[in-house]
PDB file of all heavy atoms in Angstrom:
ATOM      1  N   GLY A   1       7.417  49.422  -2.211  1.00  0.00           N
ATOM      2  CA  GLY A   1       7.129  50.239  -1.085  1.00  0.00           C
ATOM      3  C   GLY A   1       6.069  51.303  -1.258  1.00  0.00           C
ATOM      4  O   GLY A   1       5.834  52.142  -0.378  1.00  0.00           O
ATOM      5  N   GLY A   2       5.609  51.387  -2.451  1.00  0.00           N
ATOM      6  CA  GLY A   2       4.485  52.363  -2.758  1.00  0.00           C
ATOM      7  C   GLY A   2       3.499  51.763  -3.680  1.00  0.00           C
ATOM      8  O   GLY A   2       3.267  50.476  -3.697  1.00  0.00           O
ATOM      9  N   TYR A   3       2.720  52.590  -4.184  1.00  0.00           N
ATOM     10  CA  TYR A   3       1.626  52.175  -5.202  1.00  0.00           C
ATOM     11  C   TYR A   3       2.022  52.288  -6.745  1.00  0.00           C
ATOM     12  O   TYR A   3       2.694  53.341  -7.069  1.00  0.00           O
ATOM     13  CB  TYR A   3       0.345  52.978  -4.993  1.00  0.00           C
ATOM     14  CG  TYR A   3      -0.255  52.577  -3.715  1.00  0.00           C
ATOM     15  CD1 TYR A   3      -0.242  53.464  -2.567  1.00  0.00           C
ATOM     16  CD2 TYR A   3      -0.869  51.396  -3.380  1.00  0.00           C
ATOM     17  CE1 TYR A   3      -0.702  53.138  -1.316  1.00  0.00           C
ATOM     18  CE2 TYR A   3      -1.474  51.048  -2.252  1.00  0.00           C
ATOM     19  CZ  TYR A   3      -1.370  51.939  -1.205  1.00  0.00           C
ATOM     20  OH  TYR A   3      -1.785  51.723   0.004  1.00  0.00           O
ATOM     21  N   LYS A   4       1.849  51.196  -7.442  1.00  0.00           N
ATOM     22  CA  LYS A   4       2.129  51.384  -8.870  1.00  0.00           C
ATOM     23  C   LYS A   4       1.251  52.221  -9.497  1.00  0.00           C
ATOM     24  O   LYS A   4      -0.117  52.072  -9.499  1.00  0.00           O
ATOM     25  CB  LYS A   4       2.109  49.860  -9.387  1.00  0.00           C
ATOM     26  CG  LYS A   4       2.649  49.697 -10.815  1.00  0.00           C
ATOM     27  CD  LYS A   4       2.675  48.140 -11.150  1.00  0.00           C
ATOM     28  CE  LYS A   4       3.114  48.052 -12.613  1.00  0.00           C
ATOM     29  NZ  LYS A   4       3.037  46.532 -12.927  1.00  0.00           N
ATOM     30  N   LYS A   5       1.701  53.130 -10.383  1.00  0.00           N
ATOM     31  CA  LYS A   5       0.768  54.062 -11.045  1.00  0.00           C
ATOM     32  C   LYS A   5       0.023  53.319 -12.155  1.00  0.00           C
ATOM     33  O   LYS A   5       0.471  52.485 -12.955  1.00  0.00           O
ATOM     34  CB  LYS A   5       1.656  55.127 -11.802  1.00  0.00           C
ATOM     35  CG  LYS A   5       0.904  56.282 -12.239  1.00  0.00           C
ATOM     36  CD  LYS A   5       1.701  57.394 -12.798  1.00  0.00           C
ATOM     37  CE  LYS A   5       0.808  58.478 -13.251  1.00  0.00           C
ATOM     38  NZ  LYS A   5       1.522  59.732 -13.331  1.00  0.00           N
ATOM     39  N   ASN A   6      -1.335  53.649 -12.101  1.00  0.00           N
ATOM     40  CA  ASN A   6      -2.275  53.106 -13.042  1.00  0.00           C
ATOM     41  C   ASN A   6      -2.320  51.603 -13.175  1.00  0.00           C
ATOM     42  O   ASN A   6      -2.538  51.069 -14.269  1.00  0.00           O
ATOM     43  CB  ASN A   6      -2.019  53.651 -14.521  1.00  0.00           C
ATOM     44  CG  ASN A   6      -2.289  55.162 -14.579  1.00  0.00           C
ATOM     45  OD1 ASN A   6      -3.056  55.712 -13.929  1.00  0.00           O
ATOM     46  ND2 ASN A   6      -1.304  55.851 -15.229  1.00  0.00           N
ATOM     47  N   ALA A   7      -2.087  50.918 -11.993  1.00  0.00           N
ATOM     48  CA  ALA A   7      -2.137  49.471 -11.923  1.00  0.00           C
ATOM     49  C   ALA A   7      -3.259  49.095 -10.785  1.00  0.00           C
ATOM     50  O   ALA A   7      -2.929  49.521  -9.737  1.00  0.00           O
ATOM     51  CB  ALA A   7      -0.902  48.821 -11.657  1.00  0.00           C
ATOM     52  N   ARG A   8      -4.286  48.415 -11.152  1.00  0.00           N
ATOM     53  CA  ARG A   8      -5.300  48.288 -10.148  1.00  0.00           C
ATOM     54  C   ARG A   8      -5.794  46.601 -10.393  1.00  0.00           C
ATOM     55  O   ARG A   8      -5.570  46.086 -11.286  1.00  0.00           O
ATOM     56  CB  ARG A   8      -6.574  49.107 -10.408  1.00  0.00           C
ATOM     57  CG  ARG A   8      -6.157  50.599 -10.140  1.00  0.00           C
ATOM     58  CD  ARG A   8      -7.385  51.470 -10.606  1.00  0.00           C
ATOM     59  NE  ARG A   8      -6.971  52.832 -10.322  1.00  0.00           N
ATOM     60  CZ  ARG A   8      -6.273  53.510 -11.146  1.00  0.00           C
ATOM     61  NH1 ARG A   8      -5.676  52.974 -12.257  1.00  0.00           N
ATOM     62  NH2 ARG A   8      -5.913  54.778 -10.947  1.00  0.00           N
ATOM     63  N   ILE A   9      -6.527  46.332  -9.196  1.00  0.00           N
ATOM     64  CA  ILE A   9      -7.157  45.136  -9.252  1.00  0.00           C
ATOM     65  C   ILE A   9      -8.675  45.475  -8.915  1.00  0.00           C
ATOM     66  O   ILE A   9      -9.045  46.121  -7.915  1.00  0.00           O
ATOM     67  CB  ILE A   9      -6.755  44.052  -8.130  1.00  0.00           C
ATOM     68  CG1 ILE A   9      -5.388  43.678  -8.533  1.00  0.00           C
ATOM     69  CG2 ILE A   9      -7.730  42.844  -8.050  1.00  0.00           C
ATOM     70  CD1 ILE A   9      -4.793  42.762  -7.523  1.00  0.00           C
ATOM     71  N   SER A  10      -9.575  45.109  -9.900  1.00  0.00           N
ATOM     72  CA  SER A  10     -10.945  45.498  -9.655  1.00  0.00           C
ATOM     73  C   SER A  10     -11.707  44.044  -9.236  1.00  0.00           C
ATOM     74  O   SER A  10     -11.411  43.074  -9.692  1.00  0.00           O
ATOM     75  CB  SER A  10     -11.672  45.914 -10.941  1.00  0.00           C
ATOM     76  OG  SER A  10     -11.117  47.297 -11.292  1.00  0.00           O
ATOM     77  N   SER A  11     -12.626  44.266  -8.222  1.00  0.00           N
ATOM     78  CA  SER A  11     -13.269  43.073  -7.805  1.00  0.00           C
ATOM     79  C   SER A  11     -14.798  43.347  -7.495  1.00  0.00           C
ATOM     80  O   SER A  11     -15.248  44.501  -7.313  1.00  0.00           O
ATOM     81  CB  SER A  11     -12.577  42.523  -6.406  1.00  0.00           C
ATOM     82  OG  SER A  11     -12.749  43.516  -5.494  1.00  0.00           O
ATOM     83  N   PHE A  12     -15.583  42.329  -7.481  1.00  0.00           N
ATOM     84  CA  PHE A  12     -16.955  42.308  -7.177  1.00  0.00           C
ATOM     85  C   PHE A  12     -17.236  41.015  -6.502  1.00  0.00           C
ATOM     86  O   PHE A  12     -17.027  39.972  -6.922  1.00  0.00           O
ATOM     87  CB  PHE A  12     -17.749  42.428  -8.418  1.00  0.00           C
ATOM     88  CG  PHE A  12     -19.128  42.595  -8.246  1.00  0.00           C
ATOM     89  CD1 PHE A  12     -19.679  43.924  -7.855  1.00  0.00           C
ATOM     90  CD2 PHE A  12     -20.069  41.616  -8.349  1.00  0.00           C
ATOM     91  CE1 PHE A  12     -21.053  44.149  -7.642  1.00  0.00           C
ATOM     92  CE2 PHE A  12     -21.363  41.817  -8.101  1.00  0.00           C
ATOM     93  CZ  PHE A  12     -21.915  43.107  -7.794  1.00  0.00           C
ATOM     94  N   LEU A  13     -18.074  41.220  -5.409  1.00  0.00           N
ATOM     95  CA  LEU A  13     -18.461  40.002  -4.594  1.00  0.00           C
ATOM     96  C   LEU A  13     -20.011  39.864  -4.777  1.00  0.00           C
ATOM     97  O   LEU A  13     -20.683  40.711  -4.516  1.00  0.00           O
ATOM     98  CB  LEU A  13     -18.013  40.220  -3.166  1.00  0.00           C
ATOM     99  CG  LEU A  13     -18.524  39.058  -2.125  1.00  0.00           C
ATOM    100  CD1 LEU A  13     -17.541  37.893  -2.390  1.00  0.00           C
ATOM    101  CD2 LEU A  13     -18.177  39.478  -0.745  1.00  0.00           C
ATOM    102  N   ALA A  14     -20.391  38.618  -5.258  1.00  0.00           N
ATOM    103  CA  ALA A  14     -21.862  38.482  -5.286  1.00  0.00           C
ATOM    104  C   ALA A  14     -22.283  37.180  -4.578  1.00  0.00           C
ATOM    105  O   ALA A  14     -21.534  36.304  -4.392  1.00  0.00           O
ATOM    106  CB  ALA A  14     -22.088  38.299  -6.848  1.00  0.00           C
ATOM    107  N   SER A  15     -23.684  37.128  -4.279  1.00  0.00           N
ATOM    108  CA  SER A  15     -24.164  35.995  -3.751  1.00  0.00           C
ATOM    109  C   SER A  15     -25.507  35.667  -4.399  1.00  0.00           C
ATOM    110  O   SER A  15     -26.065  36.612  -4.934  1.00  0.00           O
ATOM    111  CB  SER A  15     -24.535  36.228  -2.116  1.00  0.00           C
ATOM    112  OG  SER A  15     -25.431  37.211  -1.934  1.00  0.00           O
ATOM    113  N   PHE A  16     -25.822  34.424  -4.437  1.00  0.00           N
ATOM    114  CA  PHE A  16     -27.035  33.986  -5.208  1.00  0.00           C
ATOM    115  C   PHE A  16     -27.515  32.661  -4.678  1.00  0.00           C
ATOM    116  O   PHE A  16     -26.824  31.911  -4.012  1.00  0.00           O
ATOM    117  CB  PHE A  16     -26.734  34.035  -6.719  1.00  0.00           C
ATOM    118  CG  PHE A  16     -25.846  32.881  -7.042  1.00  0.00           C
ATOM    119  CD1 PHE A  16     -26.218  31.646  -7.621  1.00  0.00           C
ATOM    120  CD2 PHE A  16     -24.317  33.069  -7.023  1.00  0.00           C
ATOM    121  CE1 PHE A  16     -25.506  30.701  -8.078  1.00  0.00           C
ATOM    122  CE2 PHE A  16     -23.483  32.026  -7.392  1.00  0.00           C
ATOM    123  CZ  PHE A  16     -24.060  30.838  -8.005  1.00  0.00           C
ATOM    124  N   PRO A  17     -28.846  32.485  -4.816  1.00  0.00           N
ATOM    125  CA  PRO A  17     -29.850  33.334  -5.287  1.00  0.00           C
ATOM    126  C   PRO A  17     -30.181  34.529  -4.346  1.00  0.00           C
ATOM    127  O   PRO A  17     -29.949  34.292  -3.078  1.00  0.00           O
ATOM    128  CB  PRO A  17     -31.202  32.356  -5.384  1.00  0.00           C
ATOM    129  CG  PRO A  17     -30.901  31.323  -4.499  1.00  0.00           C
ATOM    130  CD  PRO A  17     -29.368  31.194  -4.458  1.00  0.00           C
ATOM    131  N   ALA A  18     -30.549  35.582  -4.795  1.00  0.00           N
ATOM    132  CA  ALA A  18     -30.742  36.836  -4.080  1.00  0.00           C
ATOM    133  C   ALA A  18     -31.737  36.636  -2.955  1.00  0.00           C
ATOM    134  O   ALA A  18     -31.654  37.118  -1.819  1.00  0.00           O
ATOM    135  CB  ALA A  18     -31.217  37.980  -4.893  1.00  0.00           C
ATOM    136  N   HIS A  19     -32.785  35.880  -3.059  1.00  0.00           N
ATOM    137  CA  HIS A  19     -33.982  35.731  -2.019  1.00  0.00           C
ATOM    138  C   HIS A  19     -33.426  34.782  -0.949  1.00  0.00           C
ATOM    139  O   HIS A  19     -34.038  34.807   0.039  1.00  0.00           O
ATOM    140  CB  HIS A  19     -35.220  35.288  -2.743  1.00  0.00           C
ATOM    141  CG  HIS A  19     -35.167  34.041  -3.350  1.00  0.00           C
ATOM    142  ND1 HIS A  19     -34.521  33.702  -4.510  1.00  0.00           N
ATOM    143  CD2 HIS A  19     -35.710  32.814  -2.783  1.00  0.00           C
ATOM    144  CE1 HIS A  19     -34.632  32.459  -4.723  1.00  0.00           C
ATOM    145  NE2 HIS A  19     -35.262  31.895  -3.826  1.00  0.00           N
ATOM    146  N   ALA A  20     -32.417  33.915  -1.146  1.00  0.00           N
ATOM    147  CA  ALA A  20     -32.044  32.921  -0.252  1.00  0.00           C
ATOM    148  C   ALA A  20     -30.544  32.548  -0.516  1.00  0.00           C
ATOM    149  O   ALA A  20     -30.434  31.420  -1.047  1.00  0.00           O
ATOM    150  CB  ALA A  20     -32.971  31.705  -0.124  1.00  0.00           C
ATOM    151  N   PRO A  21     -29.647  33.554  -0.267  1.00  0.00           N
ATOM    152  CA  PRO A  21     -28.279  33.192  -0.655  1.00  0.00           C
ATOM    153  C   PRO A  21     -27.749  31.780  -0.214  1.00  0.00           C
ATOM    154  O   PRO A  21     -27.833  31.552   0.978  1.00  0.00           O
ATOM    155  CB  PRO A  21     -27.527  34.308  -0.166  1.00  0.00           C
ATOM    156  CG  PRO A  21     -28.467  35.464   0.049  1.00  0.00           C
ATOM    157  CD  PRO A  21     -29.705  34.767   0.525  1.00  0.00           C
ATOM    158  N   GLN A  22     -27.181  31.116  -1.129  1.00  0.00           N
ATOM    159  CA  GLN A  22     -26.397  29.847  -0.796  1.00  0.00           C
ATOM    160  C   GLN A  22     -25.035  29.731  -1.359  1.00  0.00           C
ATOM    161  O   GLN A  22     -24.325  28.961  -0.786  1.00  0.00           O
ATOM    162  CB  GLN A  22     -27.272  28.696  -1.468  1.00  0.00           C
ATOM    163  CG  GLN A  22     -28.546  28.517  -0.962  1.00  0.00           C
ATOM    164  CD  GLN A  22     -29.414  27.494  -1.688  1.00  0.00           C
ATOM    165  OE1 GLN A  22     -28.955  26.965  -2.605  1.00  0.00           O
ATOM    166  NE2 GLN A  22     -30.668  27.025  -1.230  1.00  0.00           N
ATOM    167  N   TYR A  23     -24.802  30.660  -2.327  1.00  0.00           N
ATOM    168  CA  TYR A  23     -23.410  30.663  -2.868  1.00  0.00           C
ATOM    169  C   TYR A  23     -22.863  32.103  -2.999  1.00  0.00           C
ATOM    170  O   TYR A  23     -23.591  33.105  -2.955  1.00  0.00           O
ATOM    171  CB  TYR A  23     -23.542  30.114  -4.362  1.00  0.00           C
ATOM    172  CG  TYR A  23     -24.118  28.749  -4.497  1.00  0.00           C
ATOM    173  CD1 TYR A  23     -25.454  28.590  -4.547  1.00  0.00           C
ATOM    174  CD2 TYR A  23     -23.238  27.641  -4.308  1.00  0.00           C
ATOM    175  CE1 TYR A  23     -25.981  27.331  -4.884  1.00  0.00           C
ATOM    176  CE2 TYR A  23     -23.827  26.313  -4.384  1.00  0.00           C
ATOM    177  CZ  TYR A  23     -25.194  26.233  -4.499  1.00  0.00           C
ATOM    178  OH  TYR A  23     -25.733  25.037  -4.688  1.00  0.00           O
ATOM    179  N   VAL A  24     -21.608  32.194  -2.922  1.00  0.00           N
ATOM    180  CA  VAL A  24     -20.800  33.447  -2.871  1.00  0.00           C
ATOM    181  C   VAL A  24     -19.758  33.300  -4.232  1.00  0.00           C
ATOM    182  O   VAL A  24     -19.203  32.310  -4.284  1.00  0.00           O
ATOM    183  CB  VAL A  24     -20.059  33.669  -1.742  1.00  0.00           C
ATOM    184  CG1 VAL A  24     -19.314  35.061  -1.790  1.00  0.00           C
ATOM    185  CG2 VAL A  24     -21.072  33.875  -0.571  1.00  0.00           C
ATOM    186  N   LEU A  25     -19.708  34.365  -4.832  1.00  0.00           N
ATOM    187  CA  LEU A  25     -18.792  34.384  -6.043  1.00  0.00           C
ATOM    188  C   LEU A  25     -17.922  35.668  -5.878  1.00  0.00           C
ATOM    189  O   LEU A  25     -18.584  36.787  -5.775  1.00  0.00           O
ATOM    190  CB  LEU A  25     -19.464  34.413  -7.308  1.00  0.00           C
ATOM    191  CG  LEU A  25     -18.677  34.628  -8.484  1.00  0.00           C
ATOM    192  CD1 LEU A  25     -17.842  33.473  -8.910  1.00  0.00           C
ATOM    193  CD2 LEU A  25     -19.548  34.943  -9.677  1.00  0.00           C
ATOM    194  N   LEU A  26     -16.584  35.480  -6.037  1.00  0.00           N
ATOM    195  CA  LEU A  26     -15.777  36.622  -5.966  1.00  0.00           C
ATOM    196  C   LEU A  26     -15.025  36.698  -7.379  1.00  0.00           C
ATOM    197  O   LEU A  26     -14.515  35.741  -7.821  1.00  0.00           O
ATOM    198  CB  LEU A  26     -14.631  36.604  -4.896  1.00  0.00           C
ATOM    199  CG  LEU A  26     -13.529  37.643  -4.951  1.00  0.00           C
ATOM    200  CD1 LEU A  26     -14.132  38.930  -4.697  1.00  0.00           C
ATOM    201  CD2 LEU A  26     -12.522  37.371  -3.944  1.00  0.00           C
ATOM    202  N   VAL A  27     -15.146  37.898  -8.020  1.00  0.00           N
ATOM    203  CA  VAL A  27     -14.562  37.993  -9.296  1.00  0.00           C
ATOM    204  C   VAL A  27     -13.531  39.086  -9.155  1.00  0.00           C
ATOM    205  O   VAL A  27     -13.841  40.164  -8.703  1.00  0.00           O
ATOM    206  CB  VAL A  27     -15.587  38.499 -10.417  1.00  0.00           C
ATOM    207  CG1 VAL A  27     -14.921  38.756 -11.648  1.00  0.00           C
ATOM    208  CG2 VAL A  27     -16.596  37.363 -10.630  1.00  0.00           C
ATOM    209  N   MET A  28     -12.277  38.800  -9.467  1.00  0.00           N
ATOM    210  CA  MET A  28     -11.248  39.839  -9.444  1.00  0.00           C
ATOM    211  C   MET A  28     -10.561  39.912 -10.775  1.00  0.00           C
ATOM    212  O   MET A  28     -10.204  38.837 -11.487  1.00  0.00           O
ATOM    213  CB  MET A  28     -10.088  39.320  -8.444  1.00  0.00           C
ATOM    214  CG  MET A  28     -10.651  39.310  -7.086  1.00  0.00           C
ATOM    215  SD  MET A  28      -9.374  38.735  -5.877  1.00  0.00           S
ATOM    216  CE  MET A  28      -8.388  40.165  -5.733  1.00  0.00           C
ATOM    217  N   ILE A  29     -10.309  41.174 -11.272  1.00  0.00           N
ATOM    218  CA  ILE A  29      -9.692  41.397 -12.612  1.00  0.00           C
ATOM    219  C   ILE A  29      -8.412  42.144 -12.389  1.00  0.00           C
ATOM    220  O   ILE A  29      -8.430  43.211 -11.753  1.00  0.00           O
ATOM    221  CB  ILE A  29     -10.681  42.127 -13.533  1.00  0.00           C
ATOM    222  CG1 ILE A  29     -11.994  41.307 -13.670  1.00  0.00           C
ATOM    223  CG2 ILE A  29     -10.131  42.430 -14.900  1.00  0.00           C
ATOM    224  CD1 ILE A  29     -12.922  41.569 -14.785  1.00  0.00           C
ATOM    225  N   ASP A  30      -7.365  41.520 -12.785  1.00  0.00           N
ATOM    226  CA  ASP A  30      -6.106  42.178 -12.681  1.00  0.00           C
ATOM    227  C   ASP A  30      -5.738  43.060 -13.719  1.00  0.00           C
ATOM    228  O   ASP A  30      -5.857  42.751 -14.926  1.00  0.00           O
ATOM    229  CB  ASP A  30      -4.973  41.114 -12.626  1.00  0.00           C
ATOM    230  CG  ASP A  30      -3.656  41.497 -12.301  1.00  0.00           C
ATOM    231  OD1 ASP A  30      -3.414  42.475 -11.525  1.00  0.00           O
ATOM    232  OD2 ASP A  30      -2.715  40.883 -12.666  1.00  0.00           O
TER     233      ASP A  30
END
């Protein structure tokens, strides 16, 4: 019911190629 102290999920969303995106990548680190 609350937030766990010092526990996070870090994420980053990328698309490529930059000049004409065709693919998307999501990286999540627990």
